[in-house]
Amino acid sequence: MATQRRTVDYLLEQATGAGTVSTRPMFGEYGVYVDGKMIGSICDDQLYVKPTASGRLHAEPVAEAPPYPGAKPHLLIEADRWDDAEWLGDLLRFTAAELPVPKPRKSKRGT
């Protein structure tokens, strides 16, 4: 089951306190980014956040599950917790703060 656009729009609306939050379509689902860092994904209308120490502490109690077959387990954030915009924004911001800055991509064009 693919993620519905309204789920993505709602999560983006709720997460405004986290910084610059965006999504990108990925393999029929969505990657979630905060200030340019990929912090998780939305798959099958569920939010998965990369596990970090402060994110896990903030989200307790929280289950872990892989967002797709073969993926490492992520924090599975239950839909009933999305309604608390301040809590969700904090979770995404805490997670992004612990993740490394993405490496710049090399150009595919020869120079």
PDB file of N, CA and C in Angstrom:
ATOM      1  N   MET A   1       0.840  -1.175   0.000  1.00  0.00           N
ATOM      2  CA  MET A   1       0.000   0.000   0.000  1.00  0.00           C
ATOM      3  C   MET A   1       0.887   1.241   0.000  1.00  0.00           C
ATOM      4  N   ALA A   2       0.713   2.108  -0.952  1.00  0.00           N
ATOM      5  CA  ALA A   2       1.509   3.322  -1.049  1.00  0.00           C
ATOM      6  C   ALA A   2       0.979   4.385  -0.088  1.00  0.00           C
ATOM      7  N   THR A   3       1.851   5.270   0.311  1.00  0.00           N
ATOM      8  CA  THR A   3       1.481   6.358   1.199  1.00  0.00           C
ATOM      9  C   THR A   3       0.596   7.356   0.469  1.00  0.00           C
ATOM     10  N   GLN A   4      -0.445   7.808   1.153  1.00  0.00           N
ATOM     11  CA  GLN A   4      -1.341   8.809   0.584  1.00  0.00           C
ATOM     12  C   GLN A   4      -0.720  10.192   0.748  1.00  0.00           C
ATOM     13  N   ARG A   5      -0.920  11.043  -0.246  1.00  0.00           N
ATOM     14  CA  ARG A   5      -0.358  12.396  -0.206  1.00  0.00           C
ATOM     15  C   ARG A   5      -0.871  13.177   1.008  1.00  0.00           C
ATOM     16  N   ARG A   6      -2.107  12.927   1.419  1.00  0.00           N
ATOM     17  CA  ARG A   6      -2.643  13.674   2.569  1.00  0.00           C
ATOM     18  C   ARG A   6      -1.889  13.334   3.859  1.00  0.00           C
ATOM     19  N   THR A   7      -1.368  12.108   3.967  1.00  0.00           N
ATOM     20  CA  THR A   7      -0.552  11.737   5.128  1.00  0.00           C
ATOM     21  C   THR A   7       0.731  12.562   5.141  1.00  0.00           C
ATOM     22  N   VAL A   8       1.377  12.666   3.998  1.00  0.00           N
ATOM     23  CA  VAL A   8       2.617  13.437   3.878  1.00  0.00           C
ATOM     24  C   VAL A   8       2.351  14.905   4.206  1.00  0.00           C
ATOM     25  N   ASP A   9       1.291  15.465   3.634  1.00  0.00           N
ATOM     26  CA  ASP A   9       0.956  16.871   3.871  1.00  0.00           C
ATOM     27  C   ASP A   9       0.693  17.132   5.352  1.00  0.00           C
ATOM     28  N   TYR A  10      -0.021  16.227   6.013  1.00  0.00           N
ATOM     29  CA  TYR A  10      -0.326  16.392   7.431  1.00  0.00           C
ATOM     30  C   TYR A  10       0.953  16.368   8.265  1.00  0.00           C
ATOM     31  N   LEU A  11       1.841  15.416   7.990  1.00  0.00           N
ATOM     32  CA  LEU A  11       3.090  15.333   8.743  1.00  0.00           C
ATOM     33  C   LEU A  11       3.947  16.581   8.532  1.00  0.00           C
ATOM     34  N   LEU A  12       3.994  17.085   7.305  1.00  0.00           N
ATOM     35  CA  LEU A  12       4.754  18.305   7.045  1.00  0.00           C
ATOM     36  C   LEU A  12       4.174  19.490   7.817  1.00  0.00           C
ATOM     37  N   GLU A  13       2.867  19.571   7.861  1.00  0.00           N
ATOM     38  CA  GLU A  13       2.192  20.643   8.595  1.00  0.00           C
ATOM     39  C   GLU A  13       2.488  20.553  10.091  1.00  0.00           C
ATOM     40  N   GLN A  14       2.461  19.358  10.631  1.00  0.00           N
ATOM     41  CA  GLN A  14       2.674  19.147  12.069  1.00  0.00           C
ATOM     42  C   GLN A  14       4.129  19.357  12.481  1.00  0.00           C
ATOM     43  N   ALA A  15       5.068  19.181  11.566  1.00  0.00           N
ATOM     44  CA  ALA A  15       6.495  19.191  11.909  1.00  0.00           C
ATOM     45  C   ALA A  15       7.172  20.539  11.669  1.00  0.00           C
ATOM     46  N   THR A  16       6.419  21.593  11.515  1.00  0.00           N
ATOM     47  CA  THR A  16       7.024  22.882  11.184  1.00  0.00           C
ATOM     48  C   THR A  16       8.017  23.373  12.238  1.00  0.00           C
ATOM     49  N   GLY A  17       7.887  22.964  13.481  1.00  0.00           N
ATOM     50  CA  GLY A  17       8.797  23.396  14.532  1.00  0.00           C
ATOM     51  C   GLY A  17      10.162  22.739  14.485  1.00  0.00           C
ATOM     52  N   ALA A  18      10.373  21.824  13.567  1.00  0.00           N
ATOM     53  CA  ALA A  18      11.635  21.087  13.507  1.00  0.00           C
ATOM     54  C   ALA A  18      12.707  21.797  12.694  1.00  0.00           C
ATOM     55  N   GLY A  19      12.347  22.816  11.944  1.00  0.00           N
ATOM     56  CA  GLY A  19      13.285  23.460  11.025  1.00  0.00           C
ATOM     57  C   GLY A  19      12.703  23.390   9.634  1.00  0.00           C
ATOM     58  N   THR A  20      13.562  23.308   8.642  1.00  0.00           N
ATOM     59  CA  THR A  20      13.103  23.185   7.262  1.00  0.00           C
ATOM     60  C   THR A  20      12.830  21.709   6.990  1.00  0.00           C
ATOM     61  N   VAL A  21      11.567  21.338   7.029  1.00  0.00           N
ATOM     62  CA  VAL A  21      11.168  19.939   6.844  1.00  0.00           C
ATOM     63  C   VAL A  21      10.645  19.778   5.426  1.00  0.00           C
ATOM     64  N   SER A  22      11.110  18.737   4.759  1.00  0.00           N
ATOM     65  CA  SER A  22      10.655  18.453   3.397  1.00  0.00           C
ATOM     66  C   SER A  22      10.588  16.945   3.188  1.00  0.00           C
ATOM     67  N   THR A  23       9.934  16.562   2.112  1.00  0.00           N
ATOM     68  CA  THR A  23       9.882  15.156   1.727  1.00  0.00           C
ATOM     69  C   THR A  23      10.284  15.052   0.267  1.00  0.00           C
ATOM     70  N   ARG A  24      10.743  13.865  -0.101  1.00  0.00           N
ATOM     71  CA  ARG A  24      11.070  13.576  -1.494  1.00  0.00           C
ATOM     72  C   ARG A  24      10.531  12.192  -1.818  1.00  0.00           C
ATOM     73  N   PRO A  25       9.882  12.079  -2.975  1.00  0.00           N
ATOM     74  CA  PRO A  25       9.412  10.751  -3.375  1.00  0.00           C
ATOM     75  C   PRO A  25      10.600   9.797  -3.555  1.00  0.00           C
ATOM     76  N   MET A  26      10.442   8.587  -3.008  1.00  0.00           N
ATOM     77  CA  MET A  26      11.489   7.576  -3.124  1.00  0.00           C
ATOM     78  C   MET A  26      10.846   6.206  -3.260  1.00  0.00           C
ATOM     79  N   PHE A  27      10.974   5.602  -4.396  1.00  0.00           N
ATOM     80  CA  PHE A  27      10.498   4.237  -4.611  1.00  0.00           C
ATOM     81  C   PHE A  27       9.032   4.056  -4.242  1.00  0.00           C
ATOM     82  N   GLY A  28       8.209   5.041  -4.579  1.00  0.00           N
ATOM     83  CA  GLY A  28       6.784   4.954  -4.293  1.00  0.00           C
ATOM     84  C   GLY A  28       6.405   5.402  -2.893  1.00  0.00           C
ATOM     85  N   GLU A  29       7.379   5.728  -2.073  1.00  0.00           N
ATOM     86  CA  GLU A  29       7.133   6.226  -0.729  1.00  0.00           C
ATOM     87  C   GLU A  29       7.842   7.577  -0.609  1.00  0.00           C
ATOM     88  N   TYR A  30       8.168   8.013   0.611  1.00  0.00           N
ATOM     89  CA  TYR A  30       8.756   9.334   0.795  1.00  0.00           C
ATOM     90  C   TYR A  30       9.892   9.314   1.802  1.00  0.00           C
ATOM     91  N   GLY A  31      10.979  10.010   1.477  1.00  0.00           N
ATOM     92  CA  GLY A  31      12.036  10.278   2.435  1.00  0.00           C
ATOM     93  C   GLY A  31      11.694  11.566   3.161  1.00  0.00           C
ATOM     94  N   VAL A  32      12.035  11.659   4.439  1.00  0.00           N
ATOM     95  CA  VAL A  32      11.767  12.853   5.237  1.00  0.00           C
ATOM     96  C   VAL A  32      13.107  13.505   5.573  1.00  0.00           C
ATOM     97  N   TYR A  33      13.186  14.815   5.330  1.00  0.00           N
ATOM     98  CA  TYR A  33      14.423  15.571   5.521  1.00  0.00           C
ATOM     99  C   TYR A  33      14.188  16.742   6.459  1.00  0.00           C
ATOM    100  N   VAL A  34      15.165  17.009   7.319  1.00  0.00           N
ATOM    101  CA  VAL A  34      15.164  18.193   8.169  1.00  0.00           C
ATOM    102  C   VAL A  34      16.472  18.922   7.897  1.00  0.00           C
ATOM    103  N   ASP A  35      16.351  20.148   7.429  1.00  0.00           N
ATOM    104  CA  ASP A  35      17.521  20.964   7.097  1.00  0.00           C
ATOM    105  C   ASP A  35      18.498  20.211   6.198  1.00  0.00           C
ATOM    106  N   GLY A  36      17.963  19.467   5.241  1.00  0.00           N
ATOM    107  CA  GLY A  36      18.776  18.754   4.259  1.00  0.00           C
ATOM    108  C   GLY A  36      19.268  17.381   4.684  1.00  0.00           C
ATOM    109  N   LYS A  37      19.026  16.984   5.932  1.00  0.00           N
ATOM    110  CA  LYS A  37      19.444  15.663   6.413  1.00  0.00           C
ATOM    111  C   LYS A  37      18.264  14.702   6.334  1.00  0.00           C
ATOM    112  N   MET A  38      18.489  13.520   5.777  1.00  0.00           N
ATOM    113  CA  MET A  38      17.432  12.514   5.757  1.00  0.00           C
ATOM    114  C   MET A  38      17.319  11.919   7.158  1.00  0.00           C
ATOM    115  N   ILE A  39      16.154  12.105   7.768  1.00  0.00           N
ATOM    116  CA  ILE A  39      15.973  11.648   9.147  1.00  0.00           C
ATOM    117  C   ILE A  39      15.009  10.465   9.251  1.00  0.00           C
ATOM    118  N   GLY A  40      14.389  10.094   8.139  1.00  0.00           N
ATOM    119  CA  GLY A  40      13.455   8.976   8.195  1.00  0.00           C
ATOM    120  C   GLY A  40      12.675   8.853   6.910  1.00  0.00           C
ATOM    121  N   SER A  41      11.554   8.146   6.999  1.00  0.00           N
ATOM    122  CA  SER A  41      10.728   7.941   5.821  1.00  0.00           C
ATOM    123  C   SER A  41       9.264   7.749   6.215  1.00  0.00           C
ATOM    124  N   ILE A  42       8.429   7.939   5.233  1.00  0.00           N
ATOM    125  CA  ILE A  42       7.002   7.669   5.385  1.00  0.00           C
ATOM    126  C   ILE A  42       6.699   6.541   4.412  1.00  0.00           C
ATOM    127  N   CYS A  43       6.334   5.399   4.940  1.00  0.00           N
ATOM    128  CA  CYS A  43       6.052   4.209   4.138  1.00  0.00           C
ATOM    129  C   CYS A  43       4.730   3.610   4.599  1.00  0.00           C
ATOM    130  N   ASP A  44       3.867   3.303   3.660  1.00  0.00           N
ATOM    131  CA  ASP A  44       2.559   2.714   3.987  1.00  0.00           C
ATOM    132  C   ASP A  44       1.809   3.544   5.032  1.00  0.00           C
ATOM    133  N   ASP A  45       1.851   4.872   4.861  1.00  0.00           N
ATOM    134  CA  ASP A  45       1.171   5.806   5.769  1.00  0.00           C
ATOM    135  C   ASP A  45       1.656   5.704   7.215  1.00  0.00           C
ATOM    136  N   GLN A  46       2.913   5.308   7.406  1.00  0.00           N
ATOM    137  CA  GLN A  46       3.506   5.234   8.741  1.00  0.00           C
ATOM    138  C   GLN A  46       4.809   6.032   8.743  1.00  0.00           C
ATOM    139  N   LEU A  47       5.107   6.666   9.869  1.00  0.00           N
ATOM    140  CA  LEU A  47       6.328   7.451  10.005  1.00  0.00           C
ATOM    141  C   LEU A  47       7.412   6.629  10.683  1.00  0.00           C
ATOM    142  N   TYR A  48       8.536   6.536  10.020  1.00  0.00           N
ATOM    143  CA  TYR A  48       9.712   5.842  10.540  1.00  0.00           C
ATOM    144  C   TYR A  48      10.828   6.871  10.681  1.00  0.00           C
ATOM    145  N   VAL A  49      11.442   6.933  11.866  1.00  0.00           N
ATOM    146  CA  VAL A  49      12.509   7.894  12.134  1.00  0.00           C
ATOM    147  C   VAL A  49      13.780   7.128  12.469  1.00  0.00           C
ATOM    148  N   LYS A  50      14.901   7.593  11.885  1.00  0.00           N
ATOM    149  CA  LYS A  50      16.180   6.933  12.174  1.00  0.00           C
ATOM    150  C   LYS A  50      16.445   6.955  13.677  1.00  0.00           C
ATOM    151  N   PRO A  51      16.925   5.856  14.218  1.00  0.00           N
ATOM    152  CA  PRO A  51      17.159   5.813  15.663  1.00  0.00           C
ATOM    153  C   PRO A  51      18.416   6.591  16.067  1.00  0.00           C
ATOM    154  N   THR A  52      18.241   7.486  17.014  1.00  0.00           N
ATOM    155  CA  THR A  52      19.349   8.207  17.646  1.00  0.00           C
ATOM    156  C   THR A  52      19.091   8.156  19.147  1.00  0.00           C
ATOM    157  N   ALA A  53      20.109   8.423  19.937  1.00  0.00           N
ATOM    158  CA  ALA A  53      19.952   8.348  21.397  1.00  0.00           C
ATOM    159  C   ALA A  53      18.904   9.343  21.896  1.00  0.00           C
ATOM    160  N   SER A  54      18.997  10.595  21.465  1.00  0.00           N
ATOM    161  CA  SER A  54      18.042  11.589  21.971  1.00  0.00           C
ATOM    162  C   SER A  54      16.655  11.385  21.374  1.00  0.00           C
ATOM    163  N   GLY A  55      16.579  10.935  20.132  1.00  0.00           N
ATOM    164  CA  GLY A  55      15.281  10.645  19.527  1.00  0.00           C
ATOM    165  C   GLY A  55      14.578   9.505  20.242  1.00  0.00           C
ATOM    166  N   ARG A  56      15.315   8.462  20.541  1.00  0.00           N
ATOM    167  CA  ARG A  56      14.741   7.304  21.244  1.00  0.00           C
ATOM    168  C   ARG A  56      14.264   7.708  22.641  1.00  0.00           C
ATOM    169  N   LEU A  57      15.076   8.496  23.349  1.00  0.00           N
ATOM    170  CA  LEU A  57      14.713   8.948  24.686  1.00  0.00           C
ATOM    171  C   LEU A  57      13.442   9.801  24.650  1.00  0.00           C
ATOM    172  N   HIS A  58      13.360  10.695  23.685  1.00  0.00           N
ATOM    173  CA  HIS A  58      12.189  11.578  23.554  1.00  0.00           C
ATOM    174  C   HIS A  58      10.932  10.789  23.180  1.00  0.00           C
ATOM    175  N   ALA A  59      11.084   9.733  22.379  1.00  0.00           N
ATOM    176  CA  ALA A  59       9.938   8.990  21.859  1.00  0.00           C
ATOM    177  C   ALA A  59       9.458   7.867  22.773  1.00  0.00           C
ATOM    178  N   GLU A  60      10.216   7.534  23.816  1.00  0.00           N
ATOM    179  CA  GLU A  60       9.824   6.419  24.687  1.00  0.00           C
ATOM    180  C   GLU A  60       8.408   6.588  25.204  1.00  0.00           C
ATOM    181  N   PRO A  61       7.639   5.542  25.266  1.00  0.00           N
ATOM    182  CA  PRO A  61       7.890   4.206  24.719  1.00  0.00           C
ATOM    183  C   PRO A  61       7.687   4.212  23.204  1.00  0.00           C
ATOM    184  N   VAL A  62       8.550   3.477  22.503  1.00  0.00           N
ATOM    185  CA  VAL A  62       8.479   3.440  21.047  1.00  0.00           C
ATOM    186  C   VAL A  62       8.900   2.053  20.553  1.00  0.00           C
ATOM    187  N   ALA A  63       8.223   1.608  19.519  1.00  0.00           N
ATOM    188  CA  ALA A  63       8.575   0.335  18.886  1.00  0.00           C
ATOM    189  C   ALA A  63       9.553   0.612  17.742  1.00  0.00           C
ATOM    190  N   GLU A  64      10.269  -0.417  17.358  1.00  0.00           N
ATOM    191  CA  GLU A  64      11.154  -0.305  16.206  1.00  0.00           C
ATOM    192  C   GLU A  64      10.709  -1.307  15.157  1.00  0.00           C
ATOM    193  N   ALA A  65      10.839  -0.896  13.889  1.00  0.00           N
ATOM    194  CA  ALA A  65      10.481  -1.758  12.768  1.00  0.00           C
ATOM    195  C   ALA A  65      11.186  -1.233  11.530  1.00  0.00           C
ATOM    196  N   PRO A  66      11.477  -2.112  10.580  1.00  0.00           N
ATOM    197  CA  PRO A  66      12.072  -1.632   9.331  1.00  0.00           C
ATOM    198  C   PRO A  66      10.996  -0.995   8.449  1.00  0.00           C
ATOM    199  N   PRO A  67      11.309   0.134   7.802  1.00  0.00           N
ATOM    200  CA  PRO A  67      10.317   0.790   6.949  1.00  0.00           C
ATOM    201  C   PRO A  67       9.994   0.003   5.677  1.00  0.00           C
ATOM    202  N   TYR A  68      10.908  -0.853   5.263  1.00  0.00           N
ATOM    203  CA  TYR A  68      10.709  -1.688   4.074  1.00  0.00           C
ATOM    204  C   TYR A  68      11.590  -2.928   4.238  1.00  0.00           C
ATOM    205  N   PRO A  69      11.281  -3.995   3.523  1.00  0.00           N
ATOM    206  CA  PRO A  69      12.065  -5.229   3.670  1.00  0.00           C
ATOM    207  C   PRO A  69      13.552  -5.000   3.408  1.00  0.00           C
ATOM    208  N   GLY A  70      14.369  -5.493   4.306  1.00  0.00           N
ATOM    209  CA  GLY A  70      15.816  -5.380   4.178  1.00  0.00           C
ATOM    210  C   GLY A  70      16.410  -4.140   4.822  1.00  0.00           C
ATOM    211  N   ALA A  71      15.569  -3.235   5.293  1.00  0.00           N
ATOM    212  CA  ALA A  71      16.059  -2.001   5.930  1.00  0.00           C
ATOM    213  C   ALA A  71      16.394  -2.249   7.396  1.00  0.00           C
ATOM    214  N   LYS A  72      17.251  -1.401   7.931  1.00  0.00           N
ATOM    215  CA  LYS A  72      17.546  -1.445   9.364  1.00  0.00           C
ATOM    216  C   LYS A  72      16.320  -0.941  10.118  1.00  0.00           C
ATOM    217  N   PRO A  73      16.125  -1.403  11.351  1.00  0.00           N
ATOM    218  CA  PRO A  73      14.979  -0.926  12.130  1.00  0.00           C
ATOM    219  C   PRO A  73      15.052   0.581  12.393  1.00  0.00           C
ATOM    220  N   HIS A  74      13.918   1.213  12.342  1.00  0.00           N
ATOM    221  CA  HIS A  74      13.745   2.630  12.640  1.00  0.00           C
ATOM    222  C   HIS A  74      12.728   2.746  13.773  1.00  0.00           C
ATOM    223  N   LEU A  75      12.650   3.922  14.371  1.00  0.00           N
ATOM    224  CA  LEU A  75      11.612   4.180  15.363  1.00  0.00           C
ATOM    225  C   LEU A  75      10.288   4.328  14.625  1.00  0.00           C
ATOM    226  N   LEU A  76       9.310   3.533  14.983  1.00  0.00           N
ATOM    227  CA  LEU A  76       7.986   3.597  14.361  1.00  0.00           C
ATOM    228  C   LEU A  76       7.125   4.521  15.211  1.00  0.00           C
ATOM    229  N   ILE A  77       6.817   5.689  14.676  1.00  0.00           N
ATOM    230  CA  ILE A  77       6.069   6.702  15.423  1.00  0.00           C
ATOM    231  C   ILE A  77       4.586   6.532  15.108  1.00  0.00           C
ATOM    232  N   GLU A  78       3.842   6.136  16.109  1.00  0.00           N
ATOM    233  CA  GLU A  78       2.417   5.853  15.936  1.00  0.00           C
ATOM    234  C   GLU A  78       1.650   7.109  15.532  1.00  0.00           C
ATOM    235  N   ALA A  79       0.650   6.936  14.686  1.00  0.00           N
ATOM    236  CA  ALA A  79      -0.119   8.045  14.125  1.00  0.00           C
ATOM    237  C   ALA A  79      -0.785   8.906  15.197  1.00  0.00           C
ATOM    238  N   ASP A  80      -1.185   8.320  16.318  1.00  0.00           N
ATOM    239  CA  ASP A  80      -1.853   9.123  17.348  1.00  0.00           C
ATOM    240  C   ASP A  80      -0.903  10.122  18.005  1.00  0.00           C
ATOM    241  N   ARG A  81       0.403   9.954  17.818  1.00  0.00           N
ATOM    242  CA  ARG A  81       1.380  10.884  18.389  1.00  0.00           C
ATOM    243  C   ARG A  81       1.665  12.062  17.453  1.00  0.00           C
ATOM    244  N   TRP A  82       1.246  11.975  16.200  1.00  0.00           N
ATOM    245  CA  TRP A  82       1.500  13.036  15.233  1.00  0.00           C
ATOM    246  C   TRP A  82       0.716  14.296  15.552  1.00  0.00           C
ATOM    247  N   ASP A  83      -0.385  14.172  16.284  1.00  0.00           N
ATOM    248  CA  ASP A  83      -1.238  15.320  16.579  1.00  0.00           C
ATOM    249  C   ASP A  83      -0.561  16.357  17.474  1.00  0.00           C
ATOM    250  N   ASP A  84       0.444  15.941  18.233  1.00  0.00           N
ATOM    251  CA  ASP A  84       1.175  16.861  19.103  1.00  0.00           C
ATOM    252  C   ASP A  84       2.322  17.461  18.282  1.00  0.00           C
ATOM    253  N   ALA A  85       2.045  18.594  17.654  1.00  0.00           N
ATOM    254  CA  ALA A  85       3.006  19.213  16.734  1.00  0.00           C
ATOM    255  C   ALA A  85       4.315  19.581  17.428  1.00  0.00           C
ATOM    256  N   GLU A  86       4.235  20.076  18.650  1.00  0.00           N
ATOM    257  CA  GLU A  86       5.455  20.455  19.368  1.00  0.00           C
ATOM    258  C   GLU A  86       6.317  19.220  19.646  1.00  0.00           C
ATOM    259  N   TRP A  87       5.695  18.145  20.102  1.00  0.00           N
ATOM    260  CA  TRP A  87       6.421  16.902  20.386  1.00  0.00           C
ATOM    261  C   TRP A  87       7.057  16.354  19.103  1.00  0.00           C
ATOM    262  N   LEU A  88       6.299  16.328  18.009  1.00  0.00           N
ATOM    263  CA  LEU A  88       6.808  15.793  16.746  1.00  0.00           C
ATOM    264  C   LEU A  88       7.962  16.651  16.227  1.00  0.00           C
ATOM    265  N   GLY A  89       7.803  17.962  16.284  1.00  0.00           N
ATOM    266  CA  GLY A  89       8.881  18.850  15.849  1.00  0.00           C
ATOM    267  C   GLY A  89      10.148  18.633  16.646  1.00  0.00           C
ATOM    268  N   ASP A  90      10.000  18.477  17.961  1.00  0.00           N
ATOM    269  CA  ASP A  90      11.168  18.207  18.812  1.00  0.00           C
ATOM    270  C   ASP A  90      11.838  16.900  18.419  1.00  0.00           C
ATOM    271  N   LEU A  91      11.045  15.857  18.222  1.00  0.00           N
ATOM    272  CA  LEU A  91      11.605  14.555  17.843  1.00  0.00           C
ATOM    273  C   LEU A  91      12.428  14.666  16.566  1.00  0.00           C
ATOM    274  N   LEU A  92      11.882  15.300  15.549  1.00  0.00           N
ATOM    275  CA  LEU A  92      12.594  15.409  14.277  1.00  0.00           C
ATOM    276  C   LEU A  92      13.833  16.286  14.412  1.00  0.00           C
ATOM    277  N   ARG A  93      13.747  17.356  15.186  1.00  0.00           N
ATOM    278  CA  ARG A  93      14.886  18.243  15.397  1.00  0.00           C
ATOM    279  C   ARG A  93      15.996  17.543  16.181  1.00  0.00           C
ATOM    280  N   PHE A  94      15.633  16.828  17.247  1.00  0.00           N
ATOM    281  CA  PHE A  94      16.629  16.077  18.025  1.00  0.00           C
ATOM    282  C   PHE A  94      17.331  15.039  17.155  1.00  0.00           C
ATOM    283  N   THR A  95      16.557  14.355  16.336  1.00  0.00           N
ATOM    284  CA  THR A  95      17.125  13.326  15.458  1.00  0.00           C
ATOM    285  C   THR A  95      18.101  13.944  14.467  1.00  0.00           C
ATOM    286  N   ALA A  96      17.684  15.020  13.818  1.00  0.00           N
ATOM    287  CA  ALA A  96      18.544  15.677  12.818  1.00  0.00           C
ATOM    288  C   ALA A  96      19.848  16.174  13.451  1.00  0.00           C
ATOM    289  N   ALA A  97      19.776  16.662  14.686  1.00  0.00           N
ATOM    290  CA  ALA A  97      20.968  17.190  15.353  1.00  0.00           C
ATOM    291  C   ALA A  97      22.035  16.119  15.555  1.00  0.00           C
ATOM    292  N   GLU A  98      21.631  14.864  15.701  1.00  0.00           N
ATOM    293  CA  GLU A  98      22.600  13.783  15.942  1.00  0.00           C
ATOM    294  C   GLU A  98      23.114  13.123  14.668  1.00  0.00           C
ATOM    295  N   LEU A  99      22.457  13.373  13.551  1.00  0.00           N
ATOM    296  CA  LEU A  99      22.869  12.728  12.306  1.00  0.00           C
ATOM    297  C   LEU A  99      23.934  13.563  11.595  1.00  0.00           C
ATOM    298  N   PRO A 100      24.847  12.900  10.886  1.00  0.00           N
ATOM    299  CA  PRO A 100      25.912  13.638  10.199  1.00  0.00           C
ATOM    300  C   PRO A 100      25.363  14.448   9.018  1.00  0.00           C
ATOM    301  N   VAL A 101      26.092  15.485   8.669  1.00  0.00           N
ATOM    302  CA  VAL A 101      25.754  16.291   7.498  1.00  0.00           C
ATOM    303  C   VAL A 101      26.005  15.420   6.265  1.00  0.00           C
ATOM    304  N   PRO A 102      25.069  15.412   5.306  1.00  0.00           N
ATOM    305  CA  PRO A 102      25.272  14.579   4.118  1.00  0.00           C
ATOM    306  C   PRO A 102      26.489  15.045   3.315  1.00  0.00           C
ATOM    307  N   LYS A 103      27.184  14.077   2.749  1.00  0.00           N
ATOM    308  CA  LYS A 103      28.345  14.394   1.918  1.00  0.00           C
ATOM    309  C   LYS A 103      27.854  14.995   0.603  1.00  0.00           C
ATOM    310  N   PRO A 104      28.598  15.974   0.077  1.00  0.00           N
ATOM    311  CA  PRO A 104      28.192  16.550  -1.209  1.00  0.00           C
ATOM    312  C   PRO A 104      28.305  15.510  -2.321  1.00  0.00           C
ATOM    313  N   ARG A 105      27.331  15.557  -3.216  1.00  0.00           N
ATOM    314  CA  ARG A 105      27.353  14.613  -4.330  1.00  0.00           C
ATOM    315  C   ARG A 105      28.337  15.078  -5.390  1.00  0.00           C
ATOM    316  N   LYS A 106      29.022  14.129  -5.995  1.00  0.00           N
ATOM    317  CA  LYS A 106      29.919  14.454  -7.091  1.00  0.00           C
ATOM    318  C   LYS A 106      29.099  14.581  -8.361  1.00  0.00           C
ATOM    319  N   SER A 107      29.497  15.492  -9.198  1.00  0.00           N
ATOM    320  CA  SER A 107      28.801  15.697 -10.465  1.00  0.00           C
ATOM    321  C   SER A 107      29.015  14.491 -11.368  1.00  0.00           C
ATOM    322  N   LYS A 108      27.955  14.096 -12.075  1.00  0.00           N
ATOM    323  CA  LYS A 108      28.072  12.973 -12.995  1.00  0.00           C
ATOM    324  C   LYS A 108      28.671  13.404 -14.322  1.00  0.00           C
ATOM    325  N   ARG A 109      28.718  14.691 -14.559  1.00  0.00           N
ATOM    326  CA  ARG A 109      29.292  15.214 -15.802  1.00  0.00           C
ATOM    327  C   ARG A 109      30.804  15.283 -15.697  1.00  0.00           C
ATOM    328  N   GLY A 110      31.458  14.994 -16.783  1.00  0.00           N
ATOM    329  CA  GLY A 110      32.906  15.129 -16.826  1.00  0.00           C
ATOM    330  C   GLY A 110      33.259  16.588 -16.996  1.00  0.00           C
ATOM    331  N   THR A 111      34.332  17.027 -16.344  1.00  0.00           N
ATOM    332  CA  THR A 111      34.720  18.439 -16.473  1.00  0.00           C
ATOM    333  C   THR A 111      36.059  18.571 -17.106  1.00  0.00           C
TER     334      THR A 111
END
